[in-house]
Amino acid sequence: MRIIKIRYNTNFPTKSQYQWLVLVDGVEHLVNSIRIETATYTTSEFIEGHGLVCHITTEGTFFEVVTAGELNKVAYIK
């Protein structure tokens, strides 16, 4: 199982075209929408330079980002 954290991209829409930031294995993925097929819960952590950051968190065995049209990325979590 992988722990996957999701949070709103505070740079949207002024600096980024993507609304969501998905963290998987320490790698950030920016997407427009997310399809989640696993149980979710909330978590929070202190990040230096950002302060307290809250996430929607899930555990999954499958993660994929699919481009669905021009500038539209969808994250799939199972």
C-alpha atoms as a PDB file:
ATOM      1  CA  MET A   1       0.000   0.000   0.000  1.00  0.00           C
ATOM      2  CA  ARG A   2       1.114   3.528  -0.762  1.00  0.00           C
ATOM      3  CA  ILE A   3       0.070   6.535   1.279  1.00  0.00           C
ATOM      4  CA  ILE A   4      -1.297   9.191  -1.066  1.00  0.00           C
ATOM      5  CA  LYS A   5      -1.955  12.755   0.127  1.00  0.00           C
ATOM      6  CA  ILE A   6      -4.160  15.251  -1.694  1.00  0.00           C
ATOM      7  CA  ARG A   7      -4.442  18.974  -1.124  1.00  0.00           C
ATOM      8  CA  TYR A   8      -5.735  22.040  -2.905  1.00  0.00           C
ATOM      9  CA  ASN A   9      -3.097  23.827  -5.007  1.00  0.00           C
ATOM     10  CA  THR A  10      -3.014  27.341  -3.560  1.00  0.00           C
ATOM     11  CA  ASN A  11      -1.287  28.572  -6.733  1.00  0.00           C
ATOM     12  CA  PHE A  12      -4.479  27.930  -8.729  1.00  0.00           C
ATOM     13  CA  PRO A  13      -5.543  29.832 -10.826  1.00  0.00           C
ATOM     14  CA  THR A  14      -3.010  32.666 -10.719  1.00  0.00           C
ATOM     15  CA  LYS A  15       0.222  30.667 -11.128  1.00  0.00           C
ATOM     16  CA  SER A  16      -1.012  27.180 -12.081  1.00  0.00           C
ATOM     17  CA  GLN A  17      -3.763  25.708 -14.230  1.00  0.00           C
ATOM     18  CA  TYR A  18      -4.128  22.688 -11.922  1.00  0.00           C
ATOM     19  CA  GLN A  19      -6.424  22.732  -8.860  1.00  0.00           C
ATOM     20  CA  TRP A  20      -5.031  19.725  -6.984  1.00  0.00           C
ATOM     21  CA  LEU A  21      -1.656  18.570  -5.734  1.00  0.00           C
ATOM     22  CA  VAL A  22      -1.264  14.818  -5.202  1.00  0.00           C
ATOM     23  CA  LEU A  23       1.748  13.568  -3.228  1.00  0.00           C
ATOM     24  CA  VAL A  24       2.839   9.986  -3.946  1.00  0.00           C
ATOM     25  CA  ASP A  25       6.131   8.656  -2.573  1.00  0.00           C
ATOM     26  CA  GLY A  26       7.346  12.230  -2.045  1.00  0.00           C
ATOM     27  CA  VAL A  27       6.647  13.218  -5.668  1.00  0.00           C
ATOM     28  CA  GLU A  28       4.152  16.012  -6.404  1.00  0.00           C
ATOM     29  CA  HIS A  29       1.661  15.558  -9.248  1.00  0.00           C
ATOM     30  CA  LEU A  30      -0.507  18.513 -10.324  1.00  0.00           C
ATOM     31  CA  VAL A  31      -3.932  17.571 -11.702  1.00  0.00           C
ATOM     32  CA  ASN A  32      -7.338  19.080 -12.495  1.00  0.00           C
ATOM     33  CA  SER A  33      -9.448  16.310 -10.992  1.00  0.00           C
ATOM     34  CA  ILE A  34      -9.140  13.142  -8.947  1.00  0.00           C
ATOM     35  CA  ARG A  35     -11.030   9.825  -8.979  1.00  0.00           C
ATOM     36  CA  ILE A  36     -10.656   7.987  -5.662  1.00  0.00           C
ATOM     37  CA  GLU A  37     -11.844   4.407  -5.131  1.00  0.00           C
ATOM     38  CA  THR A  38     -10.383   3.891  -1.649  1.00  0.00           C
ATOM     39  CA  ALA A  39     -11.292   4.971   1.861  1.00  0.00           C
ATOM     40  CA  THR A  40     -10.107   8.472   2.762  1.00  0.00           C
ATOM     41  CA  TYR A  41      -9.326  10.333   5.962  1.00  0.00           C
ATOM     42  CA  THR A  42      -7.850  13.714   6.899  1.00  0.00           C
ATOM     43  CA  THR A  43      -4.294  14.356   8.068  1.00  0.00           C
ATOM     44  CA  SER A  44      -2.217  17.415   8.810  1.00  0.00           C
ATOM     45  CA  GLU A  45       1.474  18.140   9.186  1.00  0.00           C
ATOM     46  CA  PHE A  46       3.756  21.094   9.709  1.00  0.00           C
ATOM     47  CA  ILE A  47       5.820  21.930   6.603  1.00  0.00           C
ATOM     48  CA  GLU A  48       8.688  24.395   6.981  1.00  0.00           C
ATOM     49  CA  GLY A  49       7.889  27.583   5.077  1.00  0.00           C
ATOM     50  CA  HIS A  50       4.184  26.698   4.768  1.00  0.00           C
ATOM     51  CA  GLY A  51       3.039  26.072   8.314  1.00  0.00           C
ATOM     52  CA  LEU A  52       0.273  23.595   9.099  1.00  0.00           C
ATOM     53  CA  VAL A  53      -0.911  21.852   5.926  1.00  0.00           C
ATOM     54  CA  CYS A  54      -4.027  19.659   5.769  1.00  0.00           C
ATOM     55  CA  HIS A  55      -4.573  16.741   3.395  1.00  0.00           C
ATOM     56  CA  ILE A  56      -7.167  14.268   2.265  1.00  0.00           C
ATOM     57  CA  THR A  57      -5.207  11.035   2.674  1.00  0.00           C
ATOM     58  CA  THR A  58      -5.762   7.544   1.325  1.00  0.00           C
ATOM     59  CA  GLU A  59      -3.897   4.274   0.942  1.00  0.00           C
ATOM     60  CA  GLY A  60      -3.881   2.693  -2.484  1.00  0.00           C
ATOM     61  CA  THR A  61      -2.139   0.118  -4.607  1.00  0.00           C
ATOM     62  CA  PHE A  62      -2.763   1.916  -7.909  1.00  0.00           C
ATOM     63  CA  PHE A  63      -1.998   5.493  -8.916  1.00  0.00           C
ATOM     64  CA  GLU A  64      -2.010   6.906 -12.435  1.00  0.00           C
ATOM     65  CA  VAL A  65      -2.268  10.346 -14.017  1.00  0.00           C
ATOM     66  CA  VAL A  66      -4.068  10.417 -17.362  1.00  0.00           C
ATOM     67  CA  THR A  67      -4.218  13.379 -19.729  1.00  0.00           C
ATOM     68  CA  ALA A  68      -7.860  13.738 -20.753  1.00  0.00           C
ATOM     69  CA  GLY A  69      -7.821  16.495 -23.348  1.00  0.00           C
ATOM     70  CA  GLU A  70      -5.785  19.638 -23.657  1.00  0.00           C
ATOM     71  CA  LEU A  71      -4.410  20.747 -20.275  1.00  0.00           C
ATOM     72  CA  ASN A  72      -6.676  18.364 -18.347  1.00  0.00           C
ATOM     73  CA  LYS A  73      -4.967  15.804 -16.090  1.00  0.00           C
ATOM     74  CA  VAL A  74      -6.943  13.300 -14.018  1.00  0.00           C
ATOM     75  CA  ALA A  75      -5.453  11.294 -11.149  1.00  0.00           C
ATOM     76  CA  TYR A  76      -6.860   7.773 -10.588  1.00  0.00           C
ATOM     77  CA  ILE A  77      -6.393   6.172  -7.175  1.00  0.00           C
ATOM     78  CA  LYS A  78      -7.458   2.608  -6.359  1.00  0.00           C
END
